[in-house]
Amino acid sequence: VTEVYLILQGSGICVIGDQEYVFNVSDVCIMPPMTAHYVIPGKECVLAAINIPAFNINDYHRVLQTDMAVKFDKAQFDRLIAKNNE
């Protein structure tokens, strides 16, 4: 599944694998298959998510610990969450 985020309002950080991208209104973030991704929203962040093919709950996998197979770094996640909550 490929996921596309269309940024409709505001700003934030999109993490795709181990890469951090600052986004603003009208930007597009594309997440390739089998790559962990998440958003650290800024003020007023509104986005639309498009899944290709359509979203299926069976394709969704929560990653809670570092998993290099999908490029998820728990320490990076914790650092960004802590910084966002300052």
Protein backbone atom coordinates (compact mmCIF):
# COMPACT_ATOMS: atom_id res chain seq x y z
CA VAL A 1 0.00 0.00 0.00
CA THR A 2 1.21 3.48 -0.86
CA GLU A 3 -0.14 6.30 1.30
CA VAL A 4 -0.29 9.94 0.20
CA TYR A 5 -0.87 12.87 2.56
CA LEU A 6 -2.16 16.13 1.09
CA ILE A 7 -1.49 18.98 3.50
CA LEU A 8 -4.62 21.12 3.55
CA GLN A 9 -3.74 23.46 6.40
CA GLY A 10 -0.95 24.16 8.86
CA SER A 11 2.43 22.52 9.15
CA GLY A 12 4.29 19.72 10.88
CA ILE A 13 6.86 16.99 10.43
CA CYS A 14 6.31 13.85 8.38
CA VAL A 15 8.65 10.98 9.16
CA ILE A 16 9.05 8.42 6.40
CA GLY A 17 11.36 5.61 7.40
CA ASP A 18 14.18 7.38 9.21
CA GLN A 19 13.88 10.65 7.23
CA GLU A 20 12.22 13.77 8.68
CA TYR A 21 10.45 16.23 6.37
CA VAL A 22 8.99 19.57 7.45
CA PHE A 23 5.73 20.18 5.61
CA ASN A 24 3.46 23.18 5.08
CA VAL A 25 0.09 23.80 3.48
CA SER A 26 -0.15 22.48 -0.11
CA ASP A 27 2.76 20.04 0.31
CA VAL A 28 2.39 16.34 -0.50
CA CYS A 29 4.01 13.47 1.44
CA ILE A 30 4.24 10.05 -0.24
CA MET A 31 4.87 6.97 1.87
CA PRO A 32 6.08 3.91 -0.03
CA PRO A 33 4.89 0.41 0.86
CA MET A 34 6.45 -1.40 3.83
CA THR A 35 7.95 1.81 5.28
CA ALA A 36 7.00 3.06 8.72
CA HIS A 37 5.63 6.60 8.70
CA TYR A 38 3.94 9.06 11.00
CA VAL A 39 3.16 12.76 11.38
CA ILE A 40 4.07 15.13 14.20
CA PRO A 41 1.42 17.81 13.65
CA GLY A 42 2.04 21.49 14.17
CA LYS A 43 -0.62 24.08 14.91
CA GLU A 44 -3.73 23.90 12.78
CA CYS A 45 -2.50 20.81 10.89
CA VAL A 46 -5.14 19.29 8.63
CA LEU A 47 -4.31 16.61 6.08
CA ALA A 48 -6.10 14.22 3.77
CA ALA A 49 -4.82 10.65 3.52
CA ILE A 50 -5.17 8.68 0.30
CA ASN A 51 -4.36 4.97 0.22
CA ILE A 52 -3.49 3.18 -3.02
CA PRO A 53 -5.11 0.66 -3.18
CA ALA A 54 -7.98 1.67 -0.85
CA PHE A 55 -7.43 1.38 2.92
CA ASN A 56 -7.83 -2.09 4.36
CA ILE A 57 -7.41 -2.59 8.12
CA ASN A 58 -5.54 -5.85 7.42
CA ASP A 59 -2.77 -3.83 5.74
CA TYR A 60 -2.23 -1.70 8.87
CA HIS A 61 0.58 -2.73 11.25
CA ARG A 62 1.47 -0.91 14.47
CA VAL A 63 5.18 -0.69 15.14
CA LEU A 64 6.00 -0.02 18.79
CA GLN A 65 9.71 -0.83 18.93
CA THR A 66 12.66 -0.15 16.66
CA ASP A 67 12.27 -2.22 13.50
CA MET A 68 14.88 -1.66 10.80
CA ALA A 69 12.92 -3.84 8.34
CA VAL A 70 10.48 -0.92 7.98
CA LYS A 71 13.00 1.77 9.03
CA PHE A 72 11.28 2.67 12.32
CA ASP A 73 13.54 4.16 15.01
CA LYS A 74 11.80 4.29 18.41
CA ALA A 75 14.42 6.71 19.80
CA GLN A 76 13.76 9.13 16.91
CA PHE A 77 10.01 8.85 17.52
CA ASP A 78 10.40 9.50 21.27
CA ARG A 79 12.68 12.52 20.61
CA LEU A 80 10.18 14.09 18.18
CA ILE A 81 7.23 13.51 20.51
CA ALA A 82 9.11 15.03 23.46
CA LYS A 83 10.16 18.05 21.37
CA ASN A 84 6.56 18.54 20.15
CA ASN A 85 5.28 18.50 23.75
CA GLU A 86 7.69 21.20 24.97
